[in-house]
Amino acid sequence: MKILIDEEACIGCGACEAACPDVFEMEDDKAKVKPDADLEANSECIKEAVENCPVECITVEE
């Protein structure tokens, strides 16, 4: 699993971090994936973060 974030589209709202704090963090007002995040263990909240993103800038590749 790989998470892609369109940093140009990201508005820094923090919805992804709120939905899945073990995977997402805000850095310089942009969403980032934590380097040590366990993506497989957090797949459900990652899906929630993708659905909650108001600008749809997060995509997941399986």
PDB file of N, CA and C in Angstrom:
ATOM      1  N   MET A   1       0.853  -1.182   0.000  1.00  0.00           N
ATOM      2  CA  MET A   1       0.000   0.000   0.000  1.00  0.00           C
ATOM      3  C   MET A   1       0.895   1.240   0.000  1.00  0.00           C
ATOM      4  N   LYS A   2       0.500   2.210  -0.797  1.00  0.00           N
ATOM      5  CA  LYS A   2       1.242   3.465  -0.872  1.00  0.00           C
ATOM      6  C   LYS A   2       0.236   4.611  -0.836  1.00  0.00           C
ATOM      7  N   ILE A   3       0.546   5.645  -0.067  1.00  0.00           N
ATOM      8  CA  ILE A   3      -0.326   6.819   0.039  1.00  0.00           C
ATOM      9  C   ILE A   3       0.326   7.978  -0.693  1.00  0.00           C
ATOM     10  N   LEU A   4      -0.436   8.608  -1.562  1.00  0.00           N
ATOM     11  CA  LEU A   4       0.042   9.779  -2.293  1.00  0.00           C
ATOM     12  C   LEU A   4      -0.779  10.989  -1.869  1.00  0.00           C
ATOM     13  N   ILE A   5      -0.086  12.085  -1.609  1.00  0.00           N
ATOM     14  CA  ILE A   5      -0.754  13.331  -1.230  1.00  0.00           C
ATOM     15  C   ILE A   5      -0.349  14.410  -2.223  1.00  0.00           C
ATOM     16  N   ASP A   6      -1.335  15.032  -2.853  1.00  0.00           N
ATOM     17  CA  ASP A   6      -1.090  16.153  -3.761  1.00  0.00           C
ATOM     18  C   ASP A   6      -0.875  17.393  -2.889  1.00  0.00           C
ATOM     19  N   GLU A   7       0.386  17.731  -2.656  1.00  0.00           N
ATOM     20  CA  GLU A   7       0.702  18.830  -1.743  1.00  0.00           C
ATOM     21  C   GLU A   7       0.207  20.176  -2.251  1.00  0.00           C
ATOM     22  N   GLU A   8       0.112  20.339  -3.556  1.00  0.00           N
ATOM     23  CA  GLU A   8      -0.382  21.603  -4.098  1.00  0.00           C
ATOM     24  C   GLU A   8      -1.871  21.770  -3.815  1.00  0.00           C
ATOM     25  N   ALA A   9      -2.605  20.661  -3.814  1.00  0.00           N
ATOM     26  CA  ALA A   9      -4.043  20.715  -3.564  1.00  0.00           C
ATOM     27  C   ALA A   9      -4.369  20.765  -2.070  1.00  0.00           C
ATOM     28  N   CYS A  10      -3.468  20.254  -1.238  1.00  0.00           N
ATOM     29  CA  CYS A  10      -3.717  20.182   0.211  1.00  0.00           C
ATOM     30  C   CYS A  10      -3.892  21.578   0.793  1.00  0.00           C
ATOM     31  N   ILE A  11      -4.977  21.747   1.564  1.00  0.00           N
ATOM     32  CA  ILE A  11      -5.255  23.045   2.188  1.00  0.00           C
ATOM     33  C   ILE A  11      -4.876  23.065   3.674  1.00  0.00           C
ATOM     34  N   GLY A  12      -4.334  21.956   4.157  1.00  0.00           N
ATOM     35  CA  GLY A  12      -3.864  21.906   5.539  1.00  0.00           C
ATOM     36  C   GLY A  12      -4.958  21.920   6.583  1.00  0.00           C
ATOM     37  N   CYS A  13      -6.104  21.349   6.266  1.00  0.00           N
ATOM     38  CA  CYS A  13      -7.232  21.395   7.196  1.00  0.00           C
ATOM     39  C   CYS A  13      -7.066  20.444   8.384  1.00  0.00           C
ATOM     40  N   GLY A  14      -6.258  19.394   8.209  1.00  0.00           N
ATOM     41  CA  GLY A  14      -6.013  18.454   9.289  1.00  0.00           C
ATOM     42  C   GLY A  14      -7.043  17.349   9.432  1.00  0.00           C
ATOM     43  N   ALA A  15      -7.964  17.233   8.487  1.00  0.00           N
ATOM     44  CA  ALA A  15      -8.995  16.192   8.571  1.00  0.00           C
ATOM     45  C   ALA A  15      -8.378  14.797   8.528  1.00  0.00           C
ATOM     46  N   CYS A  16      -7.329  14.622   7.749  1.00  0.00           N
ATOM     47  CA  CYS A  16      -6.681  13.310   7.660  1.00  0.00           C
ATOM     48  C   CYS A  16      -6.005  12.951   8.978  1.00  0.00           C
ATOM     49  N   GLU A  17      -5.335  13.919   9.566  1.00  0.00           N
ATOM     50  CA  GLU A  17      -4.675  13.690  10.851  1.00  0.00           C
ATOM     51  C   GLU A  17      -5.690  13.376  11.943  1.00  0.00           C
ATOM     52  N   ALA A  18      -6.822  14.044  11.912  1.00  0.00           N
ATOM     53  CA  ALA A  18      -7.875  13.788  12.897  1.00  0.00           C
ATOM     54  C   ALA A  18      -8.456  12.388  12.724  1.00  0.00           C
ATOM     55  N   ALA A  19      -8.597  11.946  11.477  1.00  0.00           N
ATOM     56  CA  ALA A  19      -9.178  10.628  11.198  1.00  0.00           C
ATOM     57  C   ALA A  19      -8.185   9.499  11.455  1.00  0.00           C
ATOM     58  N   CYS A  20      -6.907   9.762  11.233  1.00  0.00           N
ATOM     59  CA  CYS A  20      -5.899   8.699  11.312  1.00  0.00           C
ATOM     60  C   CYS A  20      -4.558   9.258  11.804  1.00  0.00           C
ATOM     61  N   PRO A  21      -4.489   9.606  13.076  1.00  0.00           N
ATOM     62  CA  PRO A  21      -3.279  10.255  13.607  1.00  0.00           C
ATOM     63  C   PRO A  21      -2.033   9.369  13.641  1.00  0.00           C
ATOM     64  N   ASP A  22      -2.203   8.057  13.549  1.00  0.00           N
ATOM     65  CA  ASP A  22      -1.031   7.170  13.526  1.00  0.00           C
ATOM     66  C   ASP A  22      -0.338   7.173  12.166  1.00  0.00           C
ATOM     67  N   VAL A  23      -1.009   7.708  11.155  1.00  0.00           N
ATOM     68  CA  VAL A  23      -0.448   7.707   9.798  1.00  0.00           C
ATOM     69  C   VAL A  23      -0.142   9.119   9.297  1.00  0.00           C
ATOM     70  N   PHE A  24      -1.048  10.051   9.532  1.00  0.00           N
ATOM     71  CA  PHE A  24      -0.890  11.399   8.985  1.00  0.00           C
ATOM     72  C   PHE A  24      -0.441  12.399  10.043  1.00  0.00           C
ATOM     73  N   GLU A  25       0.342  13.393   9.589  1.00  0.00           N
ATOM     74  CA  GLU A  25       0.734  14.504  10.443  1.00  0.00           C
ATOM     75  C   GLU A  25       0.789  15.762   9.582  1.00  0.00           C
ATOM     76  N   MET A  26       0.668  16.893  10.237  1.00  0.00           N
ATOM     77  CA  MET A  26       0.742  18.148   9.507  1.00  0.00           C
ATOM     78  C   MET A  26       2.157  18.710   9.659  1.00  0.00           C
ATOM     79  N   GLU A  27       2.719  19.139   8.529  1.00  0.00           N
ATOM     80  CA  GLU A  27       4.064  19.710   8.519  1.00  0.00           C
ATOM     81  C   GLU A  27       4.048  20.896   7.567  1.00  0.00           C
ATOM     82  N   ASP A  28       4.363  22.068   8.086  1.00  0.00           N
ATOM     83  CA  ASP A  28       4.320  23.295   7.267  1.00  0.00           C
ATOM     84  C   ASP A  28       2.964  23.475   6.605  1.00  0.00           C
ATOM     85  N   ASP A  29       1.896  23.209   7.365  1.00  0.00           N
ATOM     86  CA  ASP A  29       0.510  23.358   6.896  1.00  0.00           C
ATOM     87  C   ASP A  29       0.159  22.450   5.716  1.00  0.00           C
ATOM     88  N   LYS A  30       0.834  21.331   5.602  1.00  0.00           N
ATOM     89  CA  LYS A  30       0.539  20.339   4.568  1.00  0.00           C
ATOM     90  C   LYS A  30       0.523  18.959   5.226  1.00  0.00           C
ATOM     91  N   ALA A  31      -0.312  18.090   4.708  1.00  0.00           N
ATOM     92  CA  ALA A  31      -0.389  16.726   5.226  1.00  0.00           C
ATOM     93  C   ALA A  31       0.821  15.922   4.761  1.00  0.00           C
ATOM     94  N   LYS A  32       1.323  15.107   5.657  1.00  0.00           N
ATOM     95  CA  LYS A  32       2.437  14.210   5.360  1.00  0.00           C
ATOM     96  C   LYS A  32       2.105  12.846   5.946  1.00  0.00           C
ATOM     97  N   VAL A  33       2.669  11.804   5.368  1.00  0.00           N
ATOM     98  CA  VAL A  33       2.556  10.461   5.921  1.00  0.00           C
ATOM     99  C   VAL A  33       3.760  10.261   6.840  1.00  0.00           C
ATOM    100  N   LYS A  34       3.495   9.820   8.053  1.00  0.00           N
ATOM    101  CA  LYS A  34       4.588   9.570   8.990  1.00  0.00           C
ATOM    102  C   LYS A  34       5.489   8.477   8.422  1.00  0.00           C
ATOM    103  N   PRO A  35       6.798   8.670   8.483  1.00  0.00           N
ATOM    104  CA  PRO A  35       7.710   7.701   7.864  1.00  0.00           C
ATOM    105  C   PRO A  35       7.647   6.299   8.474  1.00  0.00           C
ATOM    106  N   ASP A  36       7.304   6.198   9.741  1.00  0.00           N
ATOM    107  CA  ASP A  36       7.266   4.895  10.409  1.00  0.00           C
ATOM    108  C   ASP A  36       5.848   4.347  10.549  1.00  0.00           C
ATOM    109  N   ALA A  37       4.905   4.922   9.799  1.00  0.00           N
ATOM    110  CA  ALA A  37       3.501   4.519   9.916  1.00  0.00           C
ATOM    111  C   ALA A  37       3.281   3.098   9.415  1.00  0.00           C
ATOM    112  N   ASP A  38       2.472   2.336  10.147  1.00  0.00           N
ATOM    113  CA  ASP A  38       2.092   0.986   9.744  1.00  0.00           C
ATOM    114  C   ASP A  38       0.810   1.099   8.912  1.00  0.00           C
ATOM    115  N   LEU A  39       0.972   1.159   7.610  1.00  0.00           N
ATOM    116  CA  LEU A  39      -0.155   1.400   6.713  1.00  0.00           C
ATOM    117  C   LEU A  39      -1.154   0.260   6.720  1.00  0.00           C
ATOM    118  N   GLU A  40      -0.670  -0.958   6.746  1.00  0.00           N
ATOM    119  CA  GLU A  40      -1.576  -2.116   6.722  1.00  0.00           C
ATOM    120  C   GLU A  40      -2.450  -2.159   7.982  1.00  0.00           C
ATOM    121  N   ALA A  41      -1.852  -1.906   9.126  1.00  0.00           N
ATOM    122  CA  ALA A  41      -2.602  -1.961  10.391  1.00  0.00           C
ATOM    123  C   ALA A  41      -3.619  -0.831  10.501  1.00  0.00           C
ATOM    124  N   ASN A  42      -3.406   0.250   9.751  1.00  0.00           N
ATOM    125  CA  ASN A  42      -4.283   1.418   9.830  1.00  0.00           C
ATOM    126  C   ASN A  42      -5.114   1.616   8.572  1.00  0.00           C
ATOM    127  N   SER A  43      -5.322   0.553   7.811  1.00  0.00           N
ATOM    128  CA  SER A  43      -6.006   0.692   6.524  1.00  0.00           C
ATOM    129  C   SER A  43      -7.417   1.268   6.650  1.00  0.00           C
ATOM    130  N   GLU A  44      -8.134   0.924   7.704  1.00  0.00           N
ATOM    131  CA  GLU A  44      -9.508   1.426   7.862  1.00  0.00           C
ATOM    132  C   GLU A  44      -9.526   2.935   8.090  1.00  0.00           C
ATOM    133  N   CYS A  45      -8.663   3.436   8.967  1.00  0.00           N
ATOM    134  CA  CYS A  45      -8.688   4.885   9.208  1.00  0.00           C
ATOM    135  C   CYS A  45      -8.068   5.648   8.044  1.00  0.00           C
ATOM    136  N   ILE A  46      -7.197   5.005   7.265  1.00  0.00           N
ATOM    137  CA  ILE A  46      -6.676   5.644   6.054  1.00  0.00           C
ATOM    138  C   ILE A  46      -7.820   5.871   5.074  1.00  0.00           C
ATOM    139  N   LYS A  47      -8.682   4.864   4.909  1.00  0.00           N
ATOM    140  CA  LYS A  47      -9.853   5.018   4.042  1.00  0.00           C
ATOM    141  C   LYS A  47     -10.737   6.162   4.524  1.00  0.00           C
ATOM    142  N   GLU A  48     -10.905   6.266   5.839  1.00  0.00           N
ATOM    143  CA  GLU A  48     -11.711   7.348   6.415  1.00  0.00           C
ATOM    144  C   GLU A  48     -11.068   8.701   6.108  1.00  0.00           C
ATOM    145  N   ALA A  49      -9.759   8.776   6.223  1.00  0.00           N
ATOM    146  CA  ALA A  49      -9.053  10.025   5.929  1.00  0.00           C
ATOM    147  C   ALA A  49      -9.231  10.432   4.472  1.00  0.00           C
ATOM    148  N   VAL A  50      -9.151   9.462   3.555  1.00  0.00           N
ATOM    149  CA  VAL A  50      -9.347   9.736   2.133  1.00  0.00           C
ATOM    150  C   VAL A  50     -10.760  10.277   1.897  1.00  0.00           C
ATOM    151  N   GLU A  51     -11.749   9.639   2.521  1.00  0.00           N
ATOM    152  CA  GLU A  51     -13.144  10.061   2.357  1.00  0.00           C
ATOM    153  C   GLU A  51     -13.415  11.427   2.975  1.00  0.00           C
ATOM    154  N   ASN A  52     -12.709  11.775   4.045  1.00  0.00           N
ATOM    155  CA  ASN A  52     -12.953  13.035   4.750  1.00  0.00           C
ATOM    156  C   ASN A  52     -12.204  14.230   4.163  1.00  0.00           C
ATOM    157  N   CYS A  53     -11.252  13.986   3.281  1.00  0.00           N
ATOM    158  CA  CYS A  53     -10.457  15.088   2.716  1.00  0.00           C
ATOM    159  C   CYS A  53     -11.358  15.977   1.855  1.00  0.00           C
ATOM    160  N   PRO A  54     -11.512  17.256   2.237  1.00  0.00           N
ATOM    161  CA  PRO A  54     -12.420  18.124   1.487  1.00  0.00           C
ATOM    162  C   PRO A  54     -11.952  18.470   0.074  1.00  0.00           C
ATOM    163  N   VAL A  55     -10.661  18.358  -0.186  1.00  0.00           N
ATOM    164  CA  VAL A  55     -10.157  18.672  -1.525  1.00  0.00           C
ATOM    165  C   VAL A  55      -9.702  17.426  -2.285  1.00  0.00           C
ATOM    166  N   GLU A  56      -9.966  16.255  -1.707  1.00  0.00           N
ATOM    167  CA  GLU A  56      -9.673  14.973  -2.354  1.00  0.00           C
ATOM    168  C   GLU A  56      -8.236  14.877  -2.867  1.00  0.00           C
ATOM    169  N   CYS A  57      -7.270  15.256  -2.022  1.00  0.00           N
ATOM    170  CA  CYS A  57      -5.883  15.254  -2.446  1.00  0.00           C
ATOM    171  C   CYS A  57      -5.114  14.010  -2.016  1.00  0.00           C
ATOM    172  N   ILE A  58      -5.786  13.063  -1.349  1.00  0.00           N
ATOM    173  CA  ILE A  58      -5.142  11.831  -0.888  1.00  0.00           C
ATOM    174  C   ILE A  58      -5.624  10.664  -1.735  1.00  0.00           C
ATOM    175  N   THR A  59      -4.671   9.909  -2.270  1.00  0.00           N
ATOM    176  CA  THR A  59      -5.014   8.694  -2.999  1.00  0.00           C
ATOM    177  C   THR A  59      -4.199   7.531  -2.431  1.00  0.00           C
ATOM    178  N   VAL A  60      -4.755   6.343  -2.547  1.00  0.00           N
ATOM    179  CA  VAL A  60      -4.104   5.142  -2.039  1.00  0.00           C
ATOM    180  C   VAL A  60      -3.901   4.177  -3.197  1.00  0.00           C
ATOM    181  N   GLU A  61      -2.668   3.704  -3.343  1.00  0.00           N
ATOM    182  CA  GLU A  61      -2.365   2.670  -4.331  1.00  0.00           C
ATOM    183  C   GLU A  61      -2.179   1.366  -3.585  1.00  0.00           C
ATOM    184  N   GLU A  62      -2.875   0.331  -4.018  1.00  0.00           N
ATOM    185  CA  GLU A  62      -2.767  -0.978  -3.353  1.00  0.00           C
ATOM    186  C   GLU A  62      -1.570  -1.729  -3.858  1.00  0.00           C
TER     187      GLU A  62
END
